[in-house]
């Protein structure tokens, strides 16, 4: 999970909480802010300021991710491909 999600960045997000970028201007927990984008930095769920709801959503999604594409070389930003 530590190597799959980028940190979400947007003017409307509080700096005190680290959210995982989802898609379509939303974080994994559903927080929406116009102009949101993934940063060049990984979202680290073990950090103290990581959003708990993003952590839970990432765990569910990652639990469904096929084992064959969980390695370092399989990491691809969906948002950057759109």
Protein backbone atom coordinates (compact mmCIF):
# COMPACT_ATOMS: atom_id res chain seq x y z
CA UNK A 1 0.00 0.00 0.00
CA UNK A 2 2.93 2.36 0.66
CA UNK A 3 3.99 2.29 -2.98
CA UNK A 4 0.71 2.68 -4.80
CA UNK A 5 -0.89 5.95 -3.75
CA UNK A 6 0.24 9.54 -4.30
CA UNK A 7 -0.44 12.31 -1.82
CA UNK A 8 -3.34 14.52 -2.89
CA UNK A 9 -2.63 18.23 -3.30
CA UNK A 10 -5.18 21.02 -3.66
CA UNK A 11 -5.75 24.47 -2.27
CA UNK A 12 -8.83 23.29 -0.35
CA UNK A 13 -7.15 20.47 1.57
CA UNK A 14 -5.93 21.08 5.12
CA UNK A 15 -2.15 20.78 5.43
CA UNK A 16 -2.50 18.97 8.77
CA UNK A 17 -3.97 15.80 7.18
CA UNK A 18 -2.35 13.76 4.44
CA UNK A 19 -4.87 12.35 1.96
CA UNK A 20 -4.36 9.74 -0.76
CA UNK A 21 -5.25 10.91 -4.25
CA UNK A 22 -8.06 8.96 -5.86
CA UNK A 23 -9.38 10.33 -9.16
CA UNK A 24 -11.65 13.07 -10.49
CA UNK A 25 -10.67 15.72 -7.90
CA UNK A 26 -11.33 13.34 -4.99
CA UNK A 27 -9.27 11.66 -2.34
CA UNK A 28 -9.74 7.98 -1.52
CA UNK A 29 -11.98 8.99 1.38
CA UNK A 30 -14.18 11.08 -0.92
CA UNK A 31 -13.01 14.57 -0.02
CA UNK A 32 -13.37 16.75 -3.09
CA UNK A 33 -11.49 19.91 -4.02
CA UNK A 34 -11.30 21.60 -7.42
CA UNK A 35 -7.98 21.31 -9.16
CA UNK A 36 -6.81 18.40 -7.01
CA UNK A 37 -3.89 16.46 -8.39
CA UNK A 38 -1.48 13.76 -7.27
CA UNK A 39 1.84 14.99 -5.98
CA UNK A 40 5.15 13.44 -6.94
CA UNK A 41 5.35 12.01 -3.41
CA UNK A 42 3.90 8.77 -2.16
CA UNK A 43 1.09 8.83 0.35
CA UNK A 44 2.32 6.88 3.35
CA UNK A 45 -0.51 5.33 5.38
CA UNK A 46 1.72 4.71 8.40
CA UNK A 47 2.36 8.42 8.94
CA UNK A 48 0.74 9.96 11.98
CA UNK A 49 -1.15 12.57 9.93
CA UNK A 50 -2.46 10.10 7.29
CA UNK A 51 -6.23 10.23 6.86
CA UNK A 52 -7.76 7.20 8.55
CA UNK A 53 -10.61 6.96 6.03
CA UNK A 54 -8.11 7.06 3.13
CA UNK A 55 -6.11 4.33 4.90
CA UNK A 56 -9.21 2.16 5.22
CA UNK A 57 -10.22 2.68 1.56
CA UNK A 58 -6.66 1.97 0.38
CA UNK A 59 -6.64 -1.26 2.39
CA UNK A 60 -9.89 -2.44 0.78
CA UNK A 61 -8.72 -1.54 -2.74
CA UNK A 62 -5.28 -3.05 -2.24
CA UNK A 63 -6.85 -6.23 -0.86
CA UNK A 64 -8.57 -6.68 -4.21
CA UNK A 65 -5.47 -5.89 -6.27
CA UNK A 66 -4.12 -8.95 -8.12
CA UNK A 67 -0.96 -10.34 -6.52
CA UNK A 68 0.78 -10.56 -9.91
CA UNK A 69 0.83 -6.77 -10.32
CA UNK A 70 1.70 -5.67 -6.79
CA UNK A 71 5.45 -5.21 -7.32
CA UNK A 72 7.48 -2.01 -7.65
CA UNK A 73 7.45 -2.14 -11.44
CA UNK A 74 3.65 -2.27 -11.57
CA UNK A 75 3.08 1.13 -9.93
CA UNK A 76 1.29 3.44 -12.37
CA UNK A 77 -0.52 6.71 -11.73
CA UNK A 78 -4.03 6.39 -13.13
CA UNK A 79 -4.57 10.16 -13.09
CA UNK A 80 -1.49 10.84 -15.13
CA UNK A 81 -2.69 8.44 -17.82
CA UNK A 82 -6.06 10.19 -18.30
